[in-house]
Amino acid sequence: MTASELRVALTFDAEHPSRPPGPAGNAEHLLEVLAARDVRATFFIQGRWATAYPGVAKSIAGEGHTIGSHSHHHAMFTLLSPDGVRADLKSAQEAIAETAGSDPRPWFRFPFGDGEGDEELRSALSSLGYRNVGWDVDPDDWDHARTTDEVLRSVVEGAQSHGDGAIVLLHTWPGSTGEALGDIIERLRAEGARFVGVEELLDPAGRA
């Protein structure tokens, strides 16, 4: 890595939205945009989502993107018992492996970010072969009131402000994300960004 390098990890939470869903085929569109621009990203896949969209899950893996788990039910982990945590993670792992053909370990993202500061939960993750991956840049693309331009500006300015190693949180279902993704890539590339999977920025023991 050079002193001026700007590595950016675009990460997408693939999940059932709790708010009005975006346009049909949005996840497939994101994959097309990434492929057309030769960008490798990271997808944190909800187990139930993978079961509902097995073809998309398989395409994510087949196109070489990094895959992590985003739980099975997308419940707040601080509300689950230890047995509930283990059962949820196992169900997600099985669903993702069956549909995508890829083991999501070691990468995991807590639903809602809930549990990131809980040492017992982090220890439980570690015992099952996972480590949590948070984020540095959050454009709130899940908010249906956010416009394409707002998402674009938030991601570009956030990555620039953070500097090398920025992890960007996005979702597979908002239409604003689908519309903004191409411009996000082009603008950051114009600033010298190189897009990487989270494994280039992180290792199982901690931040690289």
C-alpha atoms as a PDB file:
ATOM      1  CA  MET A   1       0.000   0.000   0.000  1.00  0.00           C
ATOM      2  CA  THR A   2       1.291   3.441  -0.903  1.00  0.00           C
ATOM      3  CA  ALA A   3       0.893   6.480   1.323  1.00  0.00           C
ATOM      4  CA  SER A   4      -1.690   7.946  -1.024  1.00  0.00           C
ATOM      5  CA  GLU A   5      -3.714   4.793  -1.651  1.00  0.00           C
ATOM      6  CA  LEU A   6      -7.462   4.952  -1.119  1.00  0.00           C
ATOM      7  CA  ARG A   7      -8.977   1.507  -0.629  1.00  0.00           C
ATOM      8  CA  VAL A   8     -12.751   1.393  -0.344  1.00  0.00           C
ATOM      9  CA  ALA A   9     -14.868  -1.634   0.563  1.00  0.00           C
ATOM     10  CA  LEU A  10     -18.409  -1.338  -0.759  1.00  0.00           C
ATOM     11  CA  THR A  11     -20.574  -3.599   1.404  1.00  0.00           C
ATOM     12  CA  PHE A  12     -24.206  -4.491   0.820  1.00  0.00           C
ATOM     13  CA  ASP A  13     -26.614  -5.926   3.376  1.00  0.00           C
ATOM     14  CA  ALA A  14     -28.839  -8.331   1.438  1.00  0.00           C
ATOM     15  CA  GLU A  15     -31.971  -8.543   3.547  1.00  0.00           C
ATOM     16  CA  HIS A  16     -35.740  -8.336   3.560  1.00  0.00           C
ATOM     17  CA  PRO A  17     -36.536  -4.607   3.965  1.00  0.00           C
ATOM     18  CA  SER A  18     -38.635  -3.505   6.912  1.00  0.00           C
ATOM     19  CA  ARG A  19     -39.654  -0.425   4.963  1.00  0.00           C
ATOM     20  CA  PRO A  20     -41.273  -0.074   1.524  1.00  0.00           C
ATOM     21  CA  PRO A  21     -39.181  -2.245  -0.817  1.00  0.00           C
ATOM     22  CA  GLY A  22     -37.317  -0.774  -3.733  1.00  0.00           C
ATOM     23  CA  PRO A  23     -37.795  -1.638  -7.385  1.00  0.00           C
ATOM     24  CA  ALA A  24     -37.969  -5.270  -8.440  1.00  0.00           C
ATOM     25  CA  GLY A  25     -34.631  -6.633  -9.583  1.00  0.00           C
ATOM     26  CA  ASN A  26     -32.604  -4.011  -7.723  1.00  0.00           C
ATOM     27  CA  ALA A  27     -30.103  -6.531  -6.356  1.00  0.00           C
ATOM     28  CA  GLU A  28     -29.558  -7.945  -9.833  1.00  0.00           C
ATOM     29  CA  HIS A  29     -29.050  -4.413 -11.142  1.00  0.00           C
ATOM     30  CA  LEU A  30     -26.375  -3.767  -8.515  1.00  0.00           C
ATOM     31  CA  LEU A  31     -24.539  -6.895  -9.633  1.00  0.00           C
ATOM     32  CA  GLU A  32     -24.689  -5.719 -13.238  1.00  0.00           C
ATOM     33  CA  VAL A  33     -23.250  -2.317 -12.308  1.00  0.00           C
ATOM     34  CA  LEU A  34     -20.430  -3.920 -10.314  1.00  0.00           C
ATOM     35  CA  ALA A  35     -19.610  -6.357 -13.120  1.00  0.00           C
ATOM     36  CA  ALA A  36     -19.628  -3.665 -15.801  1.00  0.00           C
ATOM     37  CA  ARG A  37     -17.104  -1.656 -13.790  1.00  0.00           C
ATOM     38  CA  ASP A  38     -15.044  -4.644 -12.646  1.00  0.00           C
ATOM     39  CA  VAL A  39     -15.666  -3.908  -8.966  1.00  0.00           C
ATOM     40  CA  ARG A  40     -15.505  -6.527  -6.260  1.00  0.00           C
ATOM     41  CA  ALA A  41     -17.738  -5.892  -3.248  1.00  0.00           C
ATOM     42  CA  THR A  42     -18.837  -7.637  -0.055  1.00  0.00           C
ATOM     43  CA  PHE A  43     -22.375  -8.898   0.562  1.00  0.00           C
ATOM     44  CA  PHE A  44     -23.706  -9.681   4.028  1.00  0.00           C
ATOM     45  CA  ILE A  45     -26.567 -12.050   3.270  1.00  0.00           C
ATOM     46  CA  GLN A  46     -29.565 -12.724   5.489  1.00  0.00           C
ATOM     47  CA  GLY A  47     -30.285 -16.445   5.521  1.00  0.00           C
ATOM     48  CA  ARG A  48     -34.013 -16.042   4.884  1.00  0.00           C
ATOM     49  CA  TRP A  49     -33.253 -13.662   2.025  1.00  0.00           C
ATOM     50  CA  ALA A  50     -30.925 -16.226   0.448  1.00  0.00           C
ATOM     51  CA  THR A  51     -33.679 -18.835   0.658  1.00  0.00           C
ATOM     52  CA  ALA A  52     -36.132 -16.425  -0.989  1.00  0.00           C
ATOM     53  CA  TYR A  53     -33.681 -15.370  -3.736  1.00  0.00           C
ATOM     54  CA  PRO A  54     -31.378 -18.358  -4.286  1.00  0.00           C
ATOM     55  CA  GLY A  55     -30.521 -17.352  -7.840  1.00  0.00           C
ATOM     56  CA  VAL A  56     -29.287 -13.938  -6.739  1.00  0.00           C
ATOM     57  CA  ALA A  57     -27.332 -15.424  -3.837  1.00  0.00           C
ATOM     58  CA  LYS A  58     -25.665 -17.849  -6.234  1.00  0.00           C
ATOM     59  CA  SER A  59     -24.815 -15.014  -8.629  1.00  0.00           C
ATOM     60  CA  ILE A  60     -23.208 -12.990  -5.838  1.00  0.00           C
ATOM     61  CA  ALA A  61     -20.836 -15.851  -5.078  1.00  0.00           C
ATOM     62  CA  GLY A  62     -20.359 -16.793  -8.718  1.00  0.00           C
ATOM     63  CA  GLU A  63     -19.239 -13.294  -9.616  1.00  0.00           C
ATOM     64  CA  GLY A  64     -16.500 -13.405  -7.019  1.00  0.00           C
ATOM     65  CA  HIS A  65     -17.832 -11.095  -4.348  1.00  0.00           C
ATOM     66  CA  THR A  66     -16.939 -11.671  -0.705  1.00  0.00           C
ATOM     67  CA  ILE A  67     -19.812 -13.189   1.260  1.00  0.00           C
ATOM     68  CA  GLY A  68     -20.631 -12.792   4.938  1.00  0.00           C
ATOM     69  CA  SER A  69     -23.598 -13.615   7.153  1.00  0.00           C
ATOM     70  CA  HIS A  70     -26.220 -11.057   8.139  1.00  0.00           C
ATOM     71  CA  SER A  71     -28.032 -13.497  10.459  1.00  0.00           C
ATOM     72  CA  HIS A  72     -31.050 -15.583   9.534  1.00  0.00           C
ATOM     73  CA  HIS A  73     -34.034 -13.671  10.924  1.00  0.00           C
ATOM     74  CA  HIS A  74     -32.502 -10.164  11.110  1.00  0.00           C
ATOM     75  CA  ALA A  75     -33.437  -9.915  14.771  1.00  0.00           C
ATOM     76  CA  MET A  76     -31.677  -7.703  17.294  1.00  0.00           C
ATOM     77  CA  PHE A  77     -29.036  -9.982  18.758  1.00  0.00           C
ATOM     78  CA  THR A  78     -29.083  -8.360  22.184  1.00  0.00           C
ATOM     79  CA  LEU A  79     -32.638  -9.713  22.557  1.00  0.00           C
ATOM     80  CA  LEU A  80     -31.636 -13.313  21.806  1.00  0.00           C
ATOM     81  CA  SER A  81     -30.574 -15.941  24.308  1.00  0.00           C
ATOM     82  CA  PRO A  82     -27.172 -17.605  23.819  1.00  0.00           C
ATOM     83  CA  ASP A  83     -28.947 -20.616  22.328  1.00  0.00           C
ATOM     84  CA  GLY A  84     -30.940 -18.283  20.089  1.00  0.00           C
ATOM     85  CA  VAL A  85     -27.780 -16.647  18.810  1.00  0.00           C
ATOM     86  CA  ARG A  86     -26.219 -19.998  17.969  1.00  0.00           C
ATOM     87  CA  ALA A  87     -29.388 -21.284  16.290  1.00  0.00           C
ATOM     88  CA  ASP A  88     -29.769 -18.135  14.199  1.00  0.00           C
ATOM     89  CA  LEU A  89     -26.157 -18.187  13.031  1.00  0.00           C
ATOM     90  CA  LYS A  90     -26.349 -21.883  12.174  1.00  0.00           C
ATOM     91  CA  SER A  91     -29.575 -21.443  10.190  1.00  0.00           C
ATOM     92  CA  ALA A  92     -28.076 -18.531   8.256  1.00  0.00           C
ATOM     93  CA  GLN A  93     -24.875 -20.410   7.535  1.00  0.00           C
ATOM     94  CA  GLU A  94     -26.774 -23.417   6.218  1.00  0.00           C
ATOM     95  CA  ALA A  95     -29.077 -21.293   4.040  1.00  0.00           C
ATOM     96  CA  ILE A  96     -26.206 -19.293   2.554  1.00  0.00           C
ATOM     97  CA  ALA A  97     -24.091 -22.370   1.920  1.00  0.00           C
ATOM     98  CA  GLU A  98     -27.006 -24.164   0.254  1.00  0.00           C
ATOM     99  CA  THR A  99     -27.976 -21.292  -2.045  1.00  0.00           C
ATOM    100  CA  ALA A 100     -24.714 -19.477  -2.723  1.00  0.00           C
ATOM    101  CA  GLY A 101     -22.433 -22.478  -2.347  1.00  0.00           C
ATOM    102  CA  SER A 102     -20.189 -20.465  -0.046  1.00  0.00           C
ATOM    103  CA  ASP A 103     -19.456 -20.576   3.672  1.00  0.00           C
ATOM    104  CA  PRO A 104     -19.935 -17.032   5.016  1.00  0.00           C
ATOM    105  CA  ARG A 105     -17.380 -17.467   7.804  1.00  0.00           C
ATOM    106  CA  PRO A 106     -15.545 -15.552   9.131  1.00  0.00           C
ATOM    107  CA  TRP A 107     -17.489 -12.445   8.130  1.00  0.00           C
ATOM    108  CA  PHE A 108     -20.639 -11.322   9.940  1.00  0.00           C
ATOM    109  CA  ARG A 109     -22.589  -8.110  10.389  1.00  0.00           C
ATOM    110  CA  PHE A 110     -24.997  -7.569  13.271  1.00  0.00           C
ATOM    111  CA  PRO A 111     -28.519  -6.597  12.159  1.00  0.00           C
ATOM    112  CA  PHE A 112     -28.972  -2.884  12.921  1.00  0.00           C
ATOM    113  CA  GLY A 113     -25.407  -2.913  14.267  1.00  0.00           C
ATOM    114  CA  ASP A 114     -27.012  -4.159  17.482  1.00  0.00           C
ATOM    115  CA  GLY A 115     -24.478  -6.020  19.590  1.00  0.00           C
ATOM    116  CA  GLU A 116     -21.267  -4.463  18.318  1.00  0.00           C
ATOM    117  CA  GLY A 117     -20.284  -3.304  21.787  1.00  0.00           C
ATOM    118  CA  ASP A 118     -21.424  -6.460  23.593  1.00  0.00           C
ATOM    119  CA  GLU A 119     -18.379  -8.504  24.560  1.00  0.00           C
ATOM    120  CA  GLU A 120     -20.419 -11.657  25.254  1.00  0.00           C
ATOM    121  CA  LEU A 121     -21.943 -11.543  21.785  1.00  0.00           C
ATOM    122  CA  ARG A 122     -18.586 -10.887  20.163  1.00  0.00           C
ATOM    123  CA  SER A 123     -17.167 -13.846  22.079  1.00  0.00           C
ATOM    124  CA  ALA A 124     -20.079 -16.024  20.923  1.00  0.00           C
ATOM    125  CA  LEU A 125     -19.402 -15.008  17.335  1.00  0.00           C
ATOM    126  CA  SER A 126     -15.733 -15.850  17.701  1.00  0.00           C
ATOM    127  CA  SER A 127     -16.502 -19.283  19.140  1.00  0.00           C
ATOM    128  CA  LEU A 128     -18.518 -20.056  15.999  1.00  0.00           C
ATOM    129  CA  GLY A 129     -15.843 -18.833  13.613  1.00  0.00           C
ATOM    130  CA  TYR A 130     -17.170 -15.321  12.951  1.00  0.00           C
ATOM    131  CA  ARG A 131     -16.077 -11.774  13.493  1.00  0.00           C
ATOM    132  CA  ASN A 132     -18.285  -8.724  13.185  1.00  0.00           C
ATOM    133  CA  VAL A 133     -17.708  -6.181  10.436  1.00  0.00           C
ATOM    134  CA  GLY A 134     -19.001  -2.687  11.101  1.00  0.00           C
ATOM    135  CA  TRP A 135     -18.767   0.323   8.820  1.00  0.00           C
ATOM    136  CA  ASP A 136     -17.195   3.748   8.499  1.00  0.00           C
ATOM    137  CA  VAL A 137     -19.553   5.400   6.016  1.00  0.00           C
ATOM    138  CA  ASP A 138     -23.356   5.179   6.292  1.00  0.00           C
ATOM    139  CA  PRO A 139     -25.469   7.145   3.783  1.00  0.00           C
ATOM    140  CA  ASP A 140     -28.739   5.958   5.379  1.00  0.00           C
ATOM    141  CA  ASP A 141     -29.826   4.544   2.028  1.00  0.00           C
ATOM    142  CA  TRP A 142     -32.442   2.453   3.891  1.00  0.00           C
ATOM    143  CA  ASP A 143     -34.438   5.676   4.419  1.00  0.00           C
ATOM    144  CA  HIS A 144     -36.875   5.907   1.497  1.00  0.00           C
ATOM    145  CA  ALA A 145     -36.783   9.706   1.818  1.00  0.00           C
ATOM    146  CA  ARG A 146     -33.110   9.780   0.845  1.00  0.00           C
ATOM    147  CA  THR A 147     -32.586  10.816  -2.767  1.00  0.00           C
ATOM    148  CA  THR A 148     -30.102   9.338  -5.208  1.00  0.00           C
ATOM    149  CA  ASP A 149     -27.999  12.504  -5.033  1.00  0.00           C
ATOM    150  CA  GLU A 150     -27.963  12.405  -1.225  1.00  0.00           C
ATOM    151  CA  VAL A 151     -26.789   8.806  -1.182  1.00  0.00           C
ATOM    152  CA  LEU A 152     -24.144   9.562  -3.809  1.00  0.00           C
ATOM    153  CA  ARG A 153     -22.821  12.607  -2.003  1.00  0.00           C
ATOM    154  CA  SER A 154     -22.806  10.916   1.409  1.00  0.00           C
ATOM    155  CA  VAL A 155     -20.800   7.931   0.180  1.00  0.00           C
ATOM    156  CA  VAL A 156     -18.268   9.909  -1.839  1.00  0.00           C
ATOM    157  CA  GLU A 157     -17.696  12.574   0.802  1.00  0.00           C
ATOM    158  CA  GLY A 158     -17.680  10.013   3.610  1.00  0.00           C
ATOM    159  CA  ALA A 159     -15.072   7.815   1.923  1.00  0.00           C
ATOM    160  CA  GLN A 160     -12.921  10.817   1.100  1.00  0.00           C
ATOM    161  CA  SER A 161     -13.153  12.088   4.665  1.00  0.00           C
ATOM    162  CA  HIS A 162     -12.304   8.698   6.161  1.00  0.00           C
ATOM    163  CA  GLY A 163      -9.403   7.991   3.854  1.00  0.00           C
ATOM    164  CA  ASP A 164      -7.793   4.644   3.134  1.00  0.00           C
ATOM    165  CA  GLY A 165      -9.707   1.595   4.354  1.00  0.00           C
ATOM    166  CA  ALA A 166     -13.225   3.026   4.353  1.00  0.00           C
ATOM    167  CA  ILE A 167     -16.002   0.447   4.725  1.00  0.00           C
ATOM    168  CA  VAL A 168     -19.244   1.709   3.176  1.00  0.00           C
ATOM    169  CA  LEU A 169     -22.635   0.418   4.339  1.00  0.00           C
ATOM    170  CA  LEU A 170     -25.246   0.003   1.594  1.00  0.00           C
ATOM    171  CA  HIS A 171     -28.295  -2.220   1.055  1.00  0.00           C
ATOM    172  CA  THR A 172     -29.439  -4.281  -1.904  1.00  0.00           C
ATOM    173  CA  TRP A 173     -33.040  -3.081  -2.045  1.00  0.00           C
ATOM    174  CA  PRO A 174     -33.192   0.775  -2.135  1.00  0.00           C
ATOM    175  CA  GLY A 175     -33.748   2.218  -5.585  1.00  0.00           C
ATOM    176  CA  SER A 176     -31.587   5.202  -4.667  1.00  0.00           C
ATOM    177  CA  THR A 177     -28.627   2.861  -4.163  1.00  0.00           C
ATOM    178  CA  GLY A 178     -29.173   1.189  -7.507  1.00  0.00           C
ATOM    179  CA  GLU A 179     -29.320   4.570  -9.219  1.00  0.00           C
ATOM    180  CA  ALA A 180     -26.312   5.999  -7.386  1.00  0.00           C
ATOM    181  CA  LEU A 181     -23.909   3.058  -7.506  1.00  0.00           C
ATOM    182  CA  GLY A 182     -22.416   3.699 -10.931  1.00  0.00           C
ATOM    183  CA  ASP A 183     -21.664   7.327 -10.135  1.00  0.00           C
ATOM    184  CA  ILE A 184     -20.303   6.400  -6.695  1.00  0.00           C
ATOM    185  CA  ILE A 185     -17.778   4.103  -8.343  1.00  0.00           C
ATOM    186  CA  GLU A 186     -16.809   6.560 -11.060  1.00  0.00           C
ATOM    187  CA  ARG A 187     -16.393   9.528  -8.722  1.00  0.00           C
ATOM    188  CA  LEU A 188     -14.334   7.614  -6.200  1.00  0.00           C
ATOM    189  CA  ARG A 189     -12.199   6.117  -8.945  1.00  0.00           C
ATOM    190  CA  ALA A 190     -11.543   9.626 -10.189  1.00  0.00           C
ATOM    191  CA  GLU A 191     -10.138  10.293  -6.709  1.00  0.00           C
ATOM    192  CA  GLY A 192      -7.846   7.280  -7.031  1.00  0.00           C
ATOM    193  CA  ALA A 193      -9.941   4.769  -5.115  1.00  0.00           C
ATOM    194  CA  ARG A 194      -9.402   1.034  -5.456  1.00  0.00           C
ATOM    195  CA  PHE A 195     -12.345  -1.186  -4.527  1.00  0.00           C
ATOM    196  CA  VAL A 196     -11.634  -4.226  -2.364  1.00  0.00           C
ATOM    197  CA  GLY A 197     -13.374  -6.897  -0.324  1.00  0.00           C
ATOM    198  CA  VAL A 198     -13.373  -6.507   3.432  1.00  0.00           C
ATOM    199  CA  GLU A 199     -10.794  -9.279   3.775  1.00  0.00           C
ATOM    200  CA  GLU A 200      -8.144  -6.931   2.373  1.00  0.00           C
ATOM    201  CA  LEU A 201      -8.857  -4.458   5.174  1.00  0.00           C
ATOM    202  CA  LEU A 202      -9.564  -6.867   8.019  1.00  0.00           C
ATOM    203  CA  ASP A 203      -8.283 -10.143   9.355  1.00  0.00           C
ATOM    204  CA  PRO A 204      -9.886 -12.490  11.897  1.00  0.00           C
ATOM    205  CA  ALA A 205      -7.874 -10.931  14.715  1.00  0.00           C
ATOM    206  CA  GLY A 206      -8.730  -7.296  14.038  1.00  0.00           C
ATOM    207  CA  ARG A 207      -8.334  -4.318  11.785  1.00  0.00           C
ATOM    208  CA  ALA A 208      -5.356  -4.522   9.435  1.00  0.00           C
END
